[in-house]
Amino acid sequence: MAKHSRPERLQRAAEAERVREIESAWTRSVPPAIAKQFAMDVEAARARGPLPRPPDMAPGTLPRPPRPGHEPRPPKEAPRTRSRS
């Protein structure tokens, strides 16, 4: 966990409080029918949860094929070691 200085914590708390004030002022300024629909949409989105992770590509698979003439070099072969007799 990161340690933050006291002024930074106070600043973050003040920012959070200001955001809550702005949100409450916005919800009061919106007509009740629209606010209710918005709240229902938010609930549905939260109930749906995060999107599933896209499948991983196989290791070493490039997202696009290389341009002609720019193919990757083949891997170097391991040098032969001399056998000790």
Protein backbone atom coordinates (compact mmCIF):
# COMPACT_ATOMS: atom_id res chain seq x y z
CA MET A 1 0.00 0.00 0.00
CA ALA A 2 1.33 3.41 -0.92
CA LYS A 3 1.85 5.99 1.76
CA HIS A 4 0.63 9.46 0.96
CA SER A 5 1.38 12.63 2.83
CA ARG A 6 -1.30 14.21 5.01
CA PRO A 7 -1.84 17.19 2.64
CA GLU A 8 -2.24 14.79 -0.27
CA ARG A 9 -4.80 12.70 1.64
CA LEU A 10 -6.70 15.85 2.58
CA GLN A 11 -6.63 17.05 -1.02
CA ARG A 12 -7.95 13.69 -2.25
CA ALA A 13 -10.74 13.77 0.35
CA ALA A 14 -11.66 17.33 -0.68
CA GLU A 15 -11.72 16.32 -4.35
CA ALA A 16 -13.96 13.34 -3.58
CA GLU A 17 -16.34 15.54 -1.61
CA ARG A 18 -16.45 18.07 -4.47
CA VAL A 19 -17.25 15.28 -6.94
CA ARG A 20 -20.11 14.13 -4.71
CA GLU A 21 -21.45 17.71 -4.58
CA ILE A 22 -21.30 18.02 -8.38
CA GLU A 23 -23.02 14.65 -8.86
CA SER A 24 -25.82 15.52 -6.45
CA ALA A 25 -26.33 18.92 -8.13
CA TRP A 26 -26.47 17.22 -11.52
CA THR A 27 -29.01 14.63 -10.39
CA ARG A 28 -31.21 17.41 -8.95
CA SER A 29 -31.05 19.32 -12.25
CA VAL A 30 -32.15 16.34 -14.37
CA PRO A 31 -35.89 15.64 -14.72
CA PRO A 32 -37.01 12.75 -12.45
CA ALA A 33 -38.00 10.41 -15.32
CA ILE A 34 -34.59 10.75 -16.96
CA ALA A 35 -32.78 10.38 -13.63
CA LYS A 36 -34.73 7.18 -12.90
CA GLN A 37 -33.93 5.76 -16.35
CA PHE A 38 -30.26 6.68 -15.88
CA ALA A 39 -30.17 4.96 -12.48
CA MET A 40 -31.72 1.82 -14.00
CA ASP A 41 -29.14 1.85 -16.81
CA VAL A 42 -26.31 2.19 -14.29
CA GLU A 43 -27.68 -0.69 -12.22
CA ALA A 44 -27.95 -2.89 -15.31
CA ALA A 45 -24.38 -2.08 -16.32
CA ARG A 46 -23.07 -2.85 -12.82
CA ALA A 47 -25.03 -6.12 -12.69
CA ARG A 48 -23.61 -7.11 -16.08
CA GLY A 49 -20.07 -6.79 -14.72
CA PRO A 50 -16.87 -6.36 -16.68
CA LEU A 51 -16.50 -7.66 -20.22
CA PRO A 52 -14.82 -11.05 -20.52
CA ARG A 53 -11.16 -11.00 -21.39
CA PRO A 54 -10.40 -11.48 -25.09
CA PRO A 55 -8.63 -14.75 -25.84
CA ASP A 56 -4.86 -14.59 -25.72
CA MET A 57 -2.97 -15.12 -28.90
CA ALA A 58 -0.58 -18.03 -29.11
CA PRO A 59 2.96 -17.16 -27.96
CA GLY A 60 4.98 -15.65 -30.76
CA THR A 61 1.95 -14.95 -32.95
CA LEU A 62 2.08 -11.55 -34.54
CA PRO A 63 -1.15 -9.59 -34.81
CA ARG A 64 -0.57 -8.97 -38.52
CA PRO A 65 1.53 -10.81 -41.04
CA PRO A 66 4.75 -9.05 -41.96
CA ARG A 67 4.96 -7.01 -45.13
CA PRO A 68 6.51 -8.78 -48.11
CA GLY A 69 10.27 -8.57 -47.86
CA HIS A 70 10.16 -7.86 -44.11
CA GLU A 71 9.73 -11.38 -42.79
CA PRO A 72 11.46 -12.12 -39.50
CA ARG A 73 14.80 -13.85 -39.66
CA PRO A 74 14.87 -17.53 -38.80
CA PRO A 75 16.37 -18.26 -35.38
CA LYS A 76 20.09 -19.00 -35.33
CA GLU A 77 21.07 -22.57 -34.84
CA ALA A 78 22.99 -23.41 -31.70
CA PRO A 79 26.73 -23.77 -32.42
CA ARG A 80 27.99 -27.31 -32.38
CA THR A 81 30.05 -28.18 -29.39
CA ARG A 82 33.17 -30.28 -29.75
CA SER A 83 33.02 -33.62 -28.14
CA ARG A 84 35.72 -34.40 -25.66
CA SER A 85 37.35 -37.74 -26.23
